Amino acid sequence: MRVILIDATFELHHAQYIINSCDSRFRVVSAGRRFGKTRLAVLECLAVANEGKRAWWISPTYKMSNVGWRPLRQMASRIPGAVIRKAEREVVIPGGGLVAVRSADNPDALRGEGLDFVVMDEAAYIMPEAWIEAIRPALSDRLGRALFISTPRGRNWFWDIHRKGGVEPDWSSFTYPTSANPFMPAGEIEAARAELPEIIFRQEYLAEFVDSEGAVFRRVHDAARLEPREPQPGQYVGGVDVAASVDYTVITVLDAQTKEMVAIDRFNRVDYPVLEDRIAACYAKWGLTGMVIEANSIGQGVIDHLQNRGMNIQPFTTTNATKHGIIQSLQSAFEHGQIKIIDDPVLVGELLSFESKKTNSGNFTYSAPEGQHDDCVMSLALAWYAVDRAQPVILFGA
């Protein structure tokens, strides 16, 4: 399908056309990565502005708003007479129509404007208060419309509004996998299927609302809101799960004061000297107060070498009993909102997939599903153990 905006022509693929053709006031689109939901939503914003109306593009954060601002700016540059206000992140179309990019960091800042159309980008990552308290009222006087686009993020409020489609008046919902985009190479999707944990592939590429009921760790998505950062003044600790063969060595660094995850390094198939140097480099970069490393298998040898280099390393011997203890401690941290982690797809996938099984004796064992990894989970659990067991300044009796 062709969309014509003041002499500028844009193309939609079939699935985008179906969404665009729906005349429901509120449309909710759960779609896989690279489906084309951003392009569709930008075109709809420009179409509204082309009618002399006001549209807003709302992202979870200012940084994430670049995802919408970049294609909006590019497409608007093809429209004769369009004015691009870079400082304000606004596009004005001949005739007075406007598209403005805003972020939901502070929902109160979204109040006050009357709107004809709004796109809530990555809606699953936006706090529901932004919609309920600020945006929905802004649509009332003009009977404005809304388009919610996102990949799922568990069964949060985006799942709730997605279920309104076909049930409540004015609401329609759509679900499309990445493969619905005919321009997406099939090989790329299969590569992602092979590389990512199943639960993350289903969420990010199949656009499924994955049910985490029965999982060991709850509220993982609530905690996964950070990005890696560089060292700042503070006290940091680390946890390392050392790979013996085809598994991954994972280094996790936590801020011992804020209990926020600041870094993760995951690698495999390196010689032991390289592995040790990589751990040592992380230790030095963050000026770690201490580091917990699993002593099982090859771990003790790595620990001995690092201790000989003057590092404060705490060995941790994993048994059913000790593993139970650190996993339950980490489980409690998620449940009570005590920990914040980096939104890393492999880490999140491992946490959501992690299983507990009851033995015949009535005890519990913890592990990844068969054929999957739990190296990130164990590294995080060891780092949390480092934070949780003592005051940072006297960690490990240093």
Protein backbone atom coordinates (compact mmCIF):
# COMPACT_ATOMS: atom_id res chain seq x y z
CA MET A 1 0.00 0.00 0.00
CA ARG A 2 1.17 3.55 -0.74
CA VAL A 3 0.77 6.41 1.71
CA ILE A 4 0.97 9.86 0.14
CA LEU A 5 1.78 12.88 2.29
CA ILE A 6 2.11 16.12 0.36
CA ASP A 7 3.85 14.59 -2.65
CA ALA A 8 5.98 12.21 -0.55
CA THR A 9 5.16 8.54 -1.09
CA PHE A 10 5.82 5.80 1.48
CA GLU A 11 5.19 2.06 1.33
CA LEU A 12 3.47 -0.24 3.84
CA HIS A 13 3.74 -4.02 3.85
CA HIS A 14 0.58 -6.12 4.17
CA ALA A 15 0.51 -6.47 7.97
CA GLN A 16 1.17 -2.75 8.44
CA TYR A 17 -1.67 -2.02 6.03
CA ILE A 18 -4.10 -4.15 8.08
CA ILE A 19 -3.26 -2.18 11.23
CA ASN A 20 -3.42 1.14 9.40
CA SER A 21 -6.81 0.28 7.92
CA CYS A 22 -8.42 -0.40 11.30
CA ASP A 23 -10.65 2.49 12.34
CA SER A 24 -10.85 1.66 16.06
CA ARG A 25 -10.08 4.59 18.28
CA PHE A 26 -7.52 2.66 20.34
CA ARG A 27 -5.24 0.10 18.64
CA VAL A 28 -2.76 -2.09 20.50
CA VAL A 29 0.00 -3.73 18.46
CA SER A 30 2.21 -6.43 19.94
CA ALA A 31 4.85 -7.08 17.30
CA GLY A 32 8.28 -8.67 17.13
CA ARG A 33 11.56 -6.83 16.67
CA ARG A 34 12.00 -5.27 13.22
CA PHE A 35 8.38 -5.88 12.27
CA GLY A 36 8.09 -2.26 11.14
CA LYS A 37 5.89 -0.89 13.91
CA THR A 38 7.99 2.27 14.29
CA ARG A 39 7.78 3.13 10.60
CA LEU A 40 4.03 2.56 10.58
CA ALA A 41 3.50 4.72 13.65
CA VAL A 42 5.65 7.56 12.30
CA LEU A 43 3.67 7.58 9.05
CA GLU A 44 0.42 7.72 10.99
CA CYS A 45 1.69 10.68 13.03
CA LEU A 46 2.62 12.53 9.85
CA ALA A 47 -0.75 11.69 8.29
CA VAL A 48 -2.52 13.26 11.28
CA ALA A 49 -0.31 16.34 11.07
CA ASN A 50 -1.01 16.52 7.36
CA GLU A 51 -4.66 17.15 8.29
CA GLY A 52 -3.62 20.16 10.41
CA LYS A 53 -3.91 18.23 13.68
CA ARG A 54 -1.67 17.61 16.67
CA ALA A 55 0.11 14.28 17.30
CA TRP A 56 2.52 13.17 20.00
CA TRP A 57 5.07 10.36 19.98
CA ILE A 58 5.73 9.18 23.54
CA SER A 59 8.69 6.99 24.50
CA PRO A 60 9.56 5.47 27.88
CA THR A 61 12.65 7.68 28.28
CA TYR A 62 14.27 10.62 26.56
CA LYS A 63 17.09 8.40 25.31
CA MET A 64 14.65 5.88 23.85
CA SER A 65 12.79 8.68 22.08
CA ASN A 66 15.58 8.66 19.47
CA VAL A 67 13.98 5.50 18.10
CA GLY A 68 11.01 7.55 16.94
CA TRP A 69 12.66 10.93 16.41
CA ARG A 70 15.22 9.64 13.92
CA PRO A 71 12.77 8.18 11.35
CA LEU A 72 10.31 11.02 11.97
CA ARG A 73 12.97 13.54 11.05
CA GLN A 74 14.05 11.53 8.01
CA MET A 75 10.53 11.06 6.64
CA ALA A 76 9.53 14.65 7.35
CA SER A 77 12.53 15.88 5.35
CA ARG A 78 10.89 14.40 2.24
CA ILE A 79 7.74 16.49 2.73
CA PRO A 80 7.93 19.89 0.99
CA GLY A 81 7.55 22.75 3.43
CA ALA A 82 7.91 20.66 6.59
CA VAL A 83 9.81 22.44 9.38
CA ILE A 84 11.98 20.28 11.62
CA ARG A 85 12.63 21.82 15.04
CA LYS A 86 15.54 19.74 16.33
CA ALA A 87 15.85 21.39 19.74
CA GLU A 88 12.16 20.88 20.52
CA ARG A 89 11.97 17.52 18.70
CA GLU A 90 8.97 18.72 16.72
CA VAL A 91 7.90 18.62 13.09
CA VAL A 92 5.47 21.24 11.72
CA ILE A 93 3.65 20.40 8.49
CA PRO A 94 2.33 23.06 6.06
CA GLY A 95 -1.11 23.96 7.31
CA GLY A 96 -0.10 23.97 10.97
CA GLY A 97 -0.17 20.28 11.83
CA LEU A 98 2.41 19.15 14.35
CA VAL A 99 4.18 16.00 15.53
CA ALA A 100 6.08 16.29 18.82
CA VAL A 101 8.30 13.68 20.44
CA ARG A 102 7.98 13.42 24.22
CA SER A 103 9.20 11.04 26.93
CA ALA A 104 7.33 9.49 29.84
CA ASP A 105 10.18 9.89 32.36
CA ASN A 106 7.98 12.37 34.21
CA PRO A 107 4.28 11.69 33.53
CA ASP A 108 3.27 15.04 35.06
CA ALA A 109 5.15 16.84 32.27
CA LEU A 110 2.75 15.26 29.74
CA ARG A 111 -0.28 17.05 31.12
CA GLY A 112 -2.06 20.02 29.61
CA GLU A 113 -1.98 19.52 25.84
CA GLY A 114 -5.07 18.63 23.82
CA LEU A 115 -4.17 15.87 21.34
CA ASP A 116 -5.70 14.36 18.22
CA PHE A 117 -3.42 11.35 18.09
CA VAL A 118 -0.77 9.74 20.25
CA VAL A 119 1.68 6.91 19.71
CA MET A 120 2.90 5.17 22.84
CA ASP A 121 6.14 3.55 21.68
CA GLU A 122 7.40 0.48 23.57
CA ALA A 123 4.28 0.84 25.67
CA ALA A 124 5.16 -2.21 27.77
CA TYR A 125 8.08 -0.19 29.18
CA ILE A 126 6.01 2.91 30.03
CA MET A 127 4.47 3.26 33.46
CA PRO A 128 0.67 2.95 33.18
CA GLU A 129 0.22 6.23 35.07
CA ALA A 130 1.46 8.12 32.00
CA TRP A 131 -1.52 6.82 30.02
CA ILE A 132 -4.14 6.89 32.77
CA GLU A 133 -3.34 10.22 34.38
CA ALA A 134 -1.87 12.31 31.54
CA ILE A 135 -2.43 11.05 28.01
CA ARG A 136 -5.95 9.61 28.13
CA PRO A 137 -7.42 12.89 29.47
CA ALA A 138 -5.53 14.85 26.78
CA LEU A 139 -7.45 12.95 24.09
CA SER A 140 -10.89 13.64 25.52
CA ASP A 141 -11.81 17.10 24.20
CA ARG A 142 -10.76 16.25 20.63
CA LEU A 143 -11.87 12.60 20.74
CA GLY A 144 -8.26 11.78 19.95
CA ARG A 145 -7.00 8.33 18.96
CA ALA A 146 -4.10 6.25 20.30
CA LEU A 147 -1.76 3.64 18.87
CA PHE A 148 0.16 1.48 21.35
CA ILE A 149 3.15 -0.33 19.86
CA SER A 150 5.55 -2.62 21.70
CA THR A 151 7.17 -5.96 22.09
CA PRO A 152 5.69 -7.69 25.15
CA ARG A 153 7.31 -7.48 28.58
CA GLY A 154 5.65 -10.21 30.56
CA ARG A 155 2.02 -9.82 31.53
CA ASN A 156 2.02 -6.20 32.64
CA TRP A 157 -0.35 -3.34 31.78
CA PHE A 158 0.43 -3.62 28.06
CA TRP A 159 -0.95 -7.16 28.21
CA ASP A 160 -4.00 -5.81 30.04
CA ILE A 161 -4.82 -3.29 27.32
CA HIS A 162 -4.01 -5.80 24.58
CA ARG A 163 -6.80 -8.01 25.96
CA LYS A 164 -9.30 -5.16 25.49
CA GLY A 165 -9.25 -5.67 21.72
CA GLY A 166 -12.48 -7.19 20.46
CA VAL A 167 -13.91 -7.09 23.97
CA GLU A 168 -14.35 -3.42 24.82
CA PRO A 169 -15.80 -0.82 22.43
CA ASP A 170 -13.28 1.31 20.54
CA TRP A 171 -10.40 -1.14 21.13
CA SER A 172 -8.66 -3.42 18.62
CA SER A 173 -5.54 -5.52 19.15
CA PHE A 174 -3.00 -7.08 16.81
CA THR A 175 -0.17 -9.59 17.25
CA TYR A 176 2.49 -10.08 14.60
CA PRO A 177 5.83 -11.93 14.75
CA THR A 178 8.96 -10.47 13.23
CA SER A 179 8.50 -12.80 10.25
CA ALA A 180 5.37 -10.84 9.21
CA ASN A 181 7.78 -8.26 7.82
CA PRO A 182 8.51 -9.59 4.31
CA PHE A 183 11.77 -7.61 4.17
CA MET A 184 13.26 -9.35 7.23
CA PRO A 185 15.77 -12.07 6.25
CA ALA A 186 14.57 -15.46 7.51
CA GLY A 187 18.14 -16.44 8.31
CA GLU A 188 18.45 -13.58 10.78
CA ILE A 189 15.38 -14.78 12.65
CA GLU A 190 16.70 -18.33 12.82
CA ALA A 191 20.05 -17.07 14.06
CA ALA A 192 18.27 -15.23 16.87
CA ARG A 193 16.30 -18.39 17.68
CA ALA A 194 19.57 -20.30 18.06
CA GLU A 195 21.34 -17.64 20.13
CA LEU A 196 18.66 -16.36 22.52
CA PRO A 197 16.97 -18.14 25.42
CA GLU A 198 13.64 -19.57 24.25
CA ILE A 199 11.57 -17.34 26.49
CA ILE A 200 13.25 -14.20 25.13
CA PHE A 201 12.93 -15.35 21.51
CA ARG A 202 9.22 -15.98 22.02
CA GLN A 203 8.80 -12.53 23.52
CA GLU A 204 11.03 -10.47 21.24
CA TYR A 205 10.52 -12.23 17.88
CA LEU A 206 7.18 -14.06 18.21
CA ALA A 207 5.57 -11.22 20.21
CA GLU A 208 4.16 -13.65 22.76
CA PHE A 209 3.05 -12.56 26.21
CA VAL A 210 5.12 -15.13 28.07
CA ASP A 211 3.56 -16.43 31.26
CA SER A 212 6.17 -16.55 34.01
CA GLU A 213 3.89 -18.30 36.50
CA GLY A 214 5.79 -21.07 38.22
CA ALA A 215 9.16 -19.44 37.57
CA VAL A 216 11.67 -19.15 40.39
CA PHE A 217 12.17 -15.42 39.91
CA ARG A 218 9.24 -12.98 39.81
CA ARG A 219 9.16 -9.27 39.01
CA VAL A 220 12.21 -9.68 36.80
CA HIS A 221 10.95 -7.16 34.24
CA ASP A 222 10.29 -4.63 37.01
CA ALA A 223 13.94 -4.90 38.04
CA ALA A 224 15.43 -4.98 34.52
CA ARG A 225 15.52 -1.23 33.88
CA LEU A 226 19.23 -0.40 33.87
CA GLU A 227 21.91 -0.03 31.23
CA PRO A 228 25.62 -0.79 31.66
CA ARG A 229 27.58 2.16 32.97
CA GLU A 230 31.15 3.22 33.60
CA PRO A 231 32.75 3.25 37.07
CA GLN A 232 31.88 6.10 39.40
CA PRO A 233 33.00 6.76 42.97
CA GLY A 234 31.55 4.00 45.13
CA GLN A 235 32.03 0.45 46.34
CA TYR A 236 31.57 -2.48 43.99
CA VAL A 237 31.57 -6.25 44.33
CA GLY A 238 31.58 -9.02 41.76
CA GLY A 239 30.38 -12.56 41.24
CA VAL A 240 31.87 -15.00 38.72
CA ASP A 241 30.55 -18.27 37.38
CA VAL A 242 33.54 -19.93 35.68
CA ALA A 243 32.90 -22.13 32.65
CA ALA A 244 34.43 -25.58 32.51
CA SER A 245 33.75 -26.36 28.83
CA VAL A 246 31.07 -25.14 26.44
CA ASP A 247 29.27 -23.10 29.10
CA TYR A 248 29.91 -19.40 29.54
CA THR A 249 32.05 -17.62 32.07
CA VAL A 250 30.02 -14.69 33.38
CA ILE A 251 31.25 -11.77 35.48
CA THR A 252 28.62 -9.63 37.21
CA VAL A 253 29.38 -6.38 39.05
CA LEU A 254 26.99 -4.80 41.56
CA ASP A 255 27.10 -1.47 43.36
CA ALA A 256 27.34 -2.60 46.99
CA GLN A 257 25.55 0.51 48.25
CA THR A 258 22.66 0.97 45.80
CA LYS A 259 22.40 -2.78 45.01
CA GLU A 260 22.22 -1.97 41.32
CA MET A 261 23.90 -4.05 38.64
CA VAL A 262 26.43 -2.00 36.71
CA ALA A 263 28.22 -4.45 34.40
CA ILE A 264 28.09 -7.93 32.93
CA ASP A 265 30.70 -9.76 30.84
CA ARG A 266 29.82 -13.11 29.25
CA PHE A 267 32.26 -15.14 27.17
CA ASN A 268 33.39 -18.71 26.42
CA ARG A 269 36.00 -20.78 24.63
CA VAL A 270 39.05 -18.85 25.83
CA ASP A 271 42.27 -20.22 27.32
CA TYR A 272 42.58 -20.06 31.10
CA PRO A 273 45.23 -17.29 31.13
CA VAL A 274 42.92 -15.15 28.99
CA LEU A 275 39.98 -15.98 31.25
CA GLU A 276 41.94 -14.98 34.34
CA ASP A 277 43.21 -11.78 32.73
CA ARG A 278 39.66 -10.83 31.80
CA ILE A 279 38.47 -11.32 35.37
CA ALA A 280 41.46 -9.37 36.67
CA ALA A 281 40.78 -6.51 34.25
CA CYS A 282 37.18 -6.25 35.46
CA TYR A 283 38.37 -6.34 39.08
CA ALA A 284 40.80 -3.50 38.42
CA LYS A 285 38.43 -1.41 36.31
CA TRP A 286 35.79 -1.32 39.04
CA GLY A 287 38.18 -1.24 42.00
CA LEU A 288 36.26 -4.11 43.52
CA THR A 289 36.02 -4.47 47.28
CA GLY A 290 35.87 -8.19 46.70
CA MET A 291 34.72 -10.91 44.34
CA VAL A 292 32.99 -14.26 44.88
CA ILE A 293 33.98 -17.04 42.48
CA GLU A 294 32.52 -20.54 42.35
CA ALA A 295 35.24 -22.96 43.44
CA ASN A 296 33.82 -26.09 41.84
CA SER A 297 35.58 -27.78 38.91
CA ILE A 298 38.23 -25.45 37.45
CA GLY A 299 37.17 -22.56 39.68
CA GLN A 300 39.59 -23.29 42.52
CA GLY A 301 42.59 -23.08 40.22
CA VAL A 302 41.39 -19.73 38.88
CA ILE A 303 40.83 -18.50 42.44
CA ASP A 304 44.35 -19.51 43.52
CA HIS A 305 45.93 -17.67 40.60
CA LEU A 306 43.90 -14.50 41.20
CA GLN A 307 44.59 -14.52 44.93
CA ASN A 308 48.30 -14.79 44.13
CA ARG A 309 47.86 -11.58 42.13
CA GLY A 310 46.69 -9.80 45.27
CA MET A 311 42.94 -9.88 44.66
CA ASN A 312 40.39 -10.29 47.43
CA ILE A 313 38.64 -13.43 46.19
CA GLN A 314 36.06 -15.37 48.20
CA PRO A 315 35.66 -19.00 47.09
CA PHE A 316 32.13 -20.38 46.97
CA THR A 317 31.59 -24.14 46.87
CA THR A 318 28.30 -25.00 45.22
CA THR A 319 26.28 -27.83 46.71
CA ASN A 320 22.52 -28.38 46.68
CA ALA A 321 22.33 -26.71 50.07
CA THR A 322 24.52 -23.67 49.32
CA LYS A 323 22.92 -23.16 45.90
CA HIS A 324 19.50 -23.25 47.54
CA GLY A 325 20.61 -20.50 49.91
CA ILE A 326 21.96 -18.02 47.35
CA ILE A 327 19.10 -18.62 44.92
CA GLN A 328 16.49 -18.03 47.61
CA SER A 329 18.29 -14.85 48.67
CA LEU A 330 18.27 -13.56 45.09
CA GLN A 331 14.65 -14.65 44.70
CA SER A 332 13.72 -12.58 47.75
CA ALA A 333 15.61 -9.57 46.38
CA PHE A 334 13.49 -9.61 43.22
CA GLU A 335 10.26 -10.19 45.14
CA HIS A 336 10.86 -7.21 47.42
CA GLY A 337 12.27 -4.86 44.81
CA GLN A 338 15.70 -4.71 46.47
CA ILE A 339 17.74 -5.28 43.33
CA LYS A 340 17.92 -3.55 39.95
CA ILE A 341 19.58 -5.27 37.00
CA ILE A 342 20.75 -4.47 33.49
CA ASP A 343 18.12 -5.14 30.84
CA ASP A 344 20.24 -7.74 29.09
CA PRO A 345 18.18 -10.21 27.01
CA VAL A 346 20.30 -13.25 27.87
CA LEU A 347 20.29 -12.47 31.59
CA VAL A 348 16.56 -11.76 31.66
CA GLY A 349 15.85 -14.88 29.64
CA GLU A 350 17.84 -17.07 31.99
CA LEU A 351 16.11 -15.58 35.03
CA LEU A 352 12.65 -16.15 33.57
CA SER A 353 13.49 -19.70 32.47
CA PHE A 354 15.20 -20.79 35.69
CA GLU A 355 13.42 -23.76 37.25
CA SER A 356 12.99 -25.43 40.61
CA LYS A 357 12.19 -29.12 40.97
CA LYS A 358 11.14 -31.01 44.06
CA THR A 359 13.11 -34.18 44.74
CA ASN A 360 11.72 -37.42 46.19
CA SER A 361 13.18 -36.44 49.55
CA GLY A 362 11.20 -33.20 49.54
CA ASN A 363 14.13 -30.88 48.80
CA PHE A 364 14.37 -28.48 45.86
CA THR A 365 16.96 -28.36 43.10
CA TYR A 366 17.52 -25.33 40.89
CA SER A 367 18.77 -25.24 37.31
CA ALA A 368 18.15 -24.02 33.78
CA PRO A 369 15.81 -26.09 31.58
CA GLU A 370 17.53 -28.96 29.83
CA GLY A 371 19.75 -27.73 27.01
CA GLN A 372 19.82 -24.12 28.27
CA HIS A 373 22.25 -22.08 30.38
CA ASP A 374 22.10 -20.59 33.86
CA ASP A 375 25.58 -19.03 33.97
CA CYS A 376 24.21 -15.47 34.16
CA VAL A 377 21.84 -16.44 36.97
CA MET A 378 24.62 -18.03 39.02
CA SER A 379 26.98 -15.11 38.47
CA LEU A 380 24.28 -12.67 39.61
CA ALA A 381 23.45 -14.87 42.62
CA LEU A 382 27.12 -14.91 43.64
CA ALA A 383 27.38 -11.13 43.27
CA TRP A 384 24.22 -10.69 45.34
CA TYR A 385 25.71 -13.01 47.95
CA ALA A 386 28.72 -10.69 48.06
CA VAL A 387 26.48 -7.68 48.66
CA ASP A 388 24.14 -9.40 51.07
CA ARG A 389 26.56 -11.12 53.44
CA ALA A 390 28.41 -8.14 54.99
CA GLN A 391 29.00 -4.40 54.95
CA PRO A 392 30.91 -3.44 51.78
CA VAL A 393 33.84 -1.85 53.59
CA ILE A 394 34.65 -5.07 55.48
CA LEU A 395 33.60 -7.52 52.81
CA PHE A 396 35.35 -10.89 53.05
CA GLY A 397 37.23 -9.70 56.11
CA ALA A 398 39.57 -7.55 54.02
